[in-house]
Amino acid sequence: MRVTLQRLREAKGYTQQTFSEAVKVSRSHYSQIETGDKPPSFKLAMRIKRQLGYYGDDLFDNVMPSAAGRNFFAADCPETEQK
């Protein structure tokens, strides 16, 4: 995950500092996510993906807890339309 997030972030022209400000977390917290030391919350993962313009489902596969059948997208991102 580290390389993917880092490459996506750098491709968009962000430093860790400017990106962490864009997604409203501290630089140290974002650094821990980028290195795989700490998983992001679902809402933060969605903010990161949105800011990077990444719409795949695999960016955090190795660190996110299982949804266990719950529809997180609808429950935790009310600003997003359901199809």
N, C-alpha and C. Protein backbone atom coordinates (compact mmCIF):
# COMPACT_ATOMS: atom_id res chain seq x y z
N MET A 1 0.82 -1.19 0.00
CA MET A 1 0.00 0.00 0.00
C MET A 1 0.86 1.25 0.00
N ARG A 2 1.94 1.25 0.74
CA ARG A 2 2.78 2.42 0.88
C ARG A 2 3.18 3.00 -0.48
N VAL A 3 3.68 2.14 -1.36
CA VAL A 3 4.15 2.60 -2.65
C VAL A 3 2.99 3.15 -3.48
N THR A 4 1.86 2.48 -3.43
CA THR A 4 0.70 2.94 -4.20
C THR A 4 0.23 4.31 -3.73
N LEU A 5 0.03 4.47 -2.44
CA LEU A 5 -0.41 5.77 -1.93
C LEU A 5 0.63 6.85 -2.22
N GLN A 6 1.87 6.53 -1.98
CA GLN A 6 2.94 7.52 -2.22
C GLN A 6 2.97 7.92 -3.69
N ARG A 7 2.92 6.94 -4.58
CA ARG A 7 2.96 7.26 -6.01
C ARG A 7 1.75 8.06 -6.45
N LEU A 8 0.57 7.68 -5.99
CA LEU A 8 -0.63 8.43 -6.35
C LEU A 8 -0.55 9.87 -5.82
N ARG A 9 -0.12 10.01 -4.58
CA ARG A 9 0.01 11.34 -3.97
C ARG A 9 1.00 12.20 -4.74
N GLU A 10 2.18 11.64 -5.01
CA GLU A 10 3.21 12.39 -5.72
C GLU A 10 2.79 12.72 -7.16
N ALA A 11 2.06 11.81 -7.80
CA ALA A 11 1.59 12.06 -9.17
C ALA A 11 0.63 13.25 -9.23
N LYS A 12 -0.06 13.49 -8.12
CA LYS A 12 -0.97 14.64 -8.03
C LYS A 12 -0.25 15.92 -7.57
N GLY A 13 1.06 15.79 -7.28
CA GLY A 13 1.85 16.96 -6.90
C GLY A 13 1.79 17.34 -5.43
N TYR A 14 1.34 16.42 -4.58
CA TYR A 14 1.24 16.69 -3.16
C TYR A 14 2.49 16.22 -2.42
N THR A 15 2.85 16.95 -1.38
CA THR A 15 3.77 16.44 -0.38
C THR A 15 2.91 15.78 0.69
N GLN A 16 3.53 15.07 1.62
CA GLN A 16 2.73 14.51 2.71
C GLN A 16 2.03 15.63 3.47
N GLN A 17 2.70 16.74 3.67
CA GLN A 17 2.11 17.85 4.42
C GLN A 17 0.91 18.44 3.71
N THR A 18 1.06 18.75 2.42
CA THR A 18 -0.06 19.37 1.70
C THR A 18 -1.23 18.39 1.53
N PHE A 19 -0.91 17.10 1.35
CA PHE A 19 -1.98 16.12 1.20
C PHE A 19 -2.72 15.92 2.52
N SER A 20 -1.97 15.82 3.61
CA SER A 20 -2.63 15.63 4.91
C SER A 20 -3.53 16.82 5.24
N GLU A 21 -3.12 18.01 4.87
CA GLU A 21 -3.98 19.18 5.07
C GLU A 21 -5.24 19.09 4.22
N ALA A 22 -5.09 18.58 2.99
CA ALA A 22 -6.24 18.46 2.09
C ALA A 22 -7.27 17.46 2.61
N VAL A 23 -6.82 16.41 3.29
CA VAL A 23 -7.75 15.41 3.81
C VAL A 23 -8.03 15.60 5.30
N LYS A 24 -7.51 16.69 5.86
CA LYS A 24 -7.83 17.12 7.22
C LYS A 24 -7.36 16.17 8.32
N VAL A 25 -6.09 15.72 8.20
CA VAL A 25 -5.45 14.94 9.27
C VAL A 25 -4.04 15.49 9.45
N SER A 26 -3.41 15.13 10.56
CA SER A 26 -2.03 15.58 10.77
C SER A 26 -1.10 14.85 9.81
N ARG A 27 0.04 15.45 9.52
CA ARG A 27 1.01 14.83 8.64
C ARG A 27 1.49 13.51 9.21
N SER A 28 1.72 13.45 10.52
CA SER A 28 2.21 12.22 11.13
C SER A 28 1.18 11.10 11.02
N HIS A 29 -0.10 11.44 11.19
CA HIS A 29 -1.16 10.43 11.05
C HIS A 29 -1.20 9.91 9.61
N TYR A 30 -1.16 10.81 8.65
CA TYR A 30 -1.17 10.38 7.25
C TYR A 30 0.06 9.55 6.92
N SER A 31 1.20 9.93 7.45
CA SER A 31 2.43 9.17 7.21
C SER A 31 2.28 7.73 7.68
N GLN A 32 1.66 7.54 8.84
CA GLN A 32 1.43 6.19 9.36
C GLN A 32 0.50 5.38 8.46
N ILE A 33 -0.45 6.05 7.86
CA ILE A 33 -1.35 5.37 6.91
C ILE A 33 -0.59 5.01 5.65
N GLU A 34 0.18 5.95 5.14
CA GLU A 34 0.91 5.72 3.90
C GLU A 34 1.94 4.59 4.03
N THR A 35 2.56 4.47 5.19
CA THR A 35 3.55 3.41 5.39
C THR A 35 2.90 2.09 5.79
N GLY A 36 1.59 2.08 6.04
CA GLY A 36 0.90 0.86 6.40
C GLY A 36 0.95 0.54 7.88
N ASP A 37 1.47 1.49 8.70
CA ASP A 37 1.54 1.27 10.14
C ASP A 37 0.19 1.39 10.82
N LYS A 38 -0.73 2.13 10.20
CA LYS A 38 -2.03 2.39 10.81
C LYS A 38 -3.10 2.40 9.72
N PRO A 39 -4.20 1.70 9.92
CA PRO A 39 -5.26 1.74 8.91
C PRO A 39 -6.08 3.02 9.05
N PRO A 40 -6.56 3.56 7.95
CA PRO A 40 -7.43 4.74 8.05
C PRO A 40 -8.84 4.31 8.46
N SER A 41 -9.57 5.22 9.06
CA SER A 41 -10.99 4.95 9.28
C SER A 41 -11.65 4.89 7.90
N PHE A 42 -12.85 4.36 7.86
CA PHE A 42 -13.54 4.28 6.57
C PHE A 42 -13.73 5.67 5.97
N LYS A 43 -14.19 6.61 6.78
CA LYS A 43 -14.43 7.96 6.27
C LYS A 43 -13.14 8.60 5.76
N LEU A 44 -12.04 8.41 6.49
CA LEU A 44 -10.77 8.97 6.05
C LEU A 44 -10.30 8.28 4.77
N ALA A 45 -10.48 6.98 4.67
CA ALA A 45 -10.11 6.26 3.45
C ALA A 45 -10.87 6.83 2.25
N MET A 46 -12.15 7.12 2.44
CA MET A 46 -12.95 7.70 1.36
C MET A 46 -12.46 9.10 1.00
N ARG A 47 -12.08 9.91 1.99
CA ARG A 47 -11.55 11.25 1.71
C ARG A 47 -10.23 11.15 0.94
N ILE A 48 -9.37 10.21 1.34
CA ILE A 48 -8.09 10.01 0.66
C ILE A 48 -8.32 9.61 -0.79
N LYS A 49 -9.18 8.61 -1.00
CA LYS A 49 -9.47 8.15 -2.36
C LYS A 49 -10.05 9.27 -3.21
N ARG A 50 -10.97 10.02 -2.64
CA ARG A 50 -11.61 11.12 -3.38
C ARG A 50 -10.57 12.18 -3.75
N GLN A 51 -9.71 12.53 -2.80
CA GLN A 51 -8.70 13.56 -3.06
C GLN A 51 -7.71 13.11 -4.13
N LEU A 52 -7.41 11.82 -4.16
CA LEU A 52 -6.49 11.28 -5.17
C LEU A 52 -7.17 11.01 -6.50
N GLY A 53 -8.49 11.07 -6.52
CA GLY A 53 -9.22 10.74 -7.73
C GLY A 53 -9.13 9.26 -8.05
N TYR A 54 -9.03 8.44 -7.01
CA TYR A 54 -8.90 7.00 -7.17
C TYR A 54 -10.23 6.35 -6.79
N TYR A 55 -10.81 5.61 -7.73
CA TYR A 55 -12.13 5.06 -7.48
C TYR A 55 -12.16 3.54 -7.42
N GLY A 56 -11.00 2.91 -7.44
CA GLY A 56 -10.94 1.46 -7.29
C GLY A 56 -11.24 1.06 -5.85
N ASP A 57 -11.51 -0.22 -5.65
CA ASP A 57 -11.82 -0.73 -4.32
C ASP A 57 -10.63 -1.38 -3.63
N ASP A 58 -9.47 -1.35 -4.24
CA ASP A 58 -8.34 -2.13 -3.74
C ASP A 58 -7.25 -1.33 -3.05
N LEU A 59 -7.39 -0.05 -2.90
CA LEU A 59 -6.32 0.79 -2.36
C LEU A 59 -5.96 0.42 -0.92
N PHE A 60 -6.94 0.07 -0.11
CA PHE A 60 -6.70 -0.24 1.30
C PHE A 60 -7.02 -1.69 1.64
N ASP A 61 -7.05 -2.57 0.67
CA ASP A 61 -7.42 -3.97 0.90
C ASP A 61 -6.64 -4.65 2.01
N ASN A 62 -5.38 -4.35 2.14
CA ASN A 62 -4.54 -5.05 3.12
C ASN A 62 -4.65 -4.50 4.53
N VAL A 63 -5.31 -3.36 4.72
CA VAL A 63 -5.33 -2.77 6.05
C VAL A 63 -6.72 -2.47 6.60
N MET A 64 -7.74 -2.48 5.75
CA MET A 64 -9.08 -2.14 6.21
C MET A 64 -9.76 -3.35 6.83
N PRO A 65 -10.47 -3.17 7.93
CA PRO A 65 -11.23 -4.28 8.51
C PRO A 65 -12.35 -4.69 7.56
N SER A 66 -12.77 -5.90 7.65
CA SER A 66 -13.84 -6.41 6.80
C SER A 66 -15.14 -5.68 7.08
N ALA A 67 -15.90 -5.47 6.05
CA ALA A 67 -17.19 -4.80 6.20
C ALA A 67 -18.23 -5.72 6.81
N ALA A 68 -17.97 -7.00 6.80
CA ALA A 68 -18.87 -8.01 7.39
C ALA A 68 -20.30 -7.85 6.90
N GLY A 69 -20.42 -7.57 5.62
CA GLY A 69 -21.75 -7.47 5.03
C GLY A 69 -22.43 -6.13 5.20
N ARG A 70 -21.87 -5.25 5.97
CA ARG A 70 -22.50 -3.95 6.18
C ARG A 70 -22.25 -3.04 4.98
N ASN A 71 -23.21 -2.27 4.62
CA ASN A 71 -23.06 -1.34 3.51
C ASN A 71 -22.46 -0.04 4.05
N PHE A 72 -21.15 -0.04 4.24
CA PHE A 72 -20.48 1.13 4.79
C PHE A 72 -20.70 2.36 3.92
N PHE A 73 -20.67 2.18 2.63
CA PHE A 73 -20.75 3.32 1.73
C PHE A 73 -22.00 4.14 1.99
N ALA A 74 -23.12 3.48 2.10
CA ALA A 74 -24.38 4.18 2.34
C ALA A 74 -24.46 4.71 3.77
N ALA A 75 -23.99 3.93 4.72
CA ALA A 75 -24.14 4.32 6.12
C ALA A 75 -23.17 5.41 6.54
N ASP A 76 -21.96 5.39 6.01
CA ASP A 76 -20.93 6.29 6.51
C ASP A 76 -20.62 7.46 5.59
N CYS A 77 -21.16 7.49 4.42
CA CYS A 77 -20.94 8.59 3.49
C CYS A 77 -22.28 9.10 2.97
N PRO A 78 -23.06 9.71 3.82
CA PRO A 78 -24.40 10.12 3.40
C PRO A 78 -24.38 11.14 2.27
N GLU A 79 -23.26 11.85 2.07
CA GLU A 79 -23.21 12.84 1.01
C GLU A 79 -23.08 12.20 -0.37
N THR A 80 -22.87 10.88 -0.41
CA THR A 80 -22.70 10.19 -1.67
C THR A 80 -24.03 9.56 -2.08
N GLU A 81 -24.35 9.70 -3.34
CA GLU A 81 -25.61 9.15 -3.82
C GLU A 81 -25.53 7.63 -3.94
N GLN A 82 -26.62 6.97 -3.63
CA GLN A 82 -26.72 5.52 -3.84
C GLN A 82 -27.31 5.27 -5.20
N LYS A 83 -26.87 4.19 -5.82
CA LYS A 83 -27.41 3.82 -7.13
C LYS A 83 -28.33 2.66 -6.99
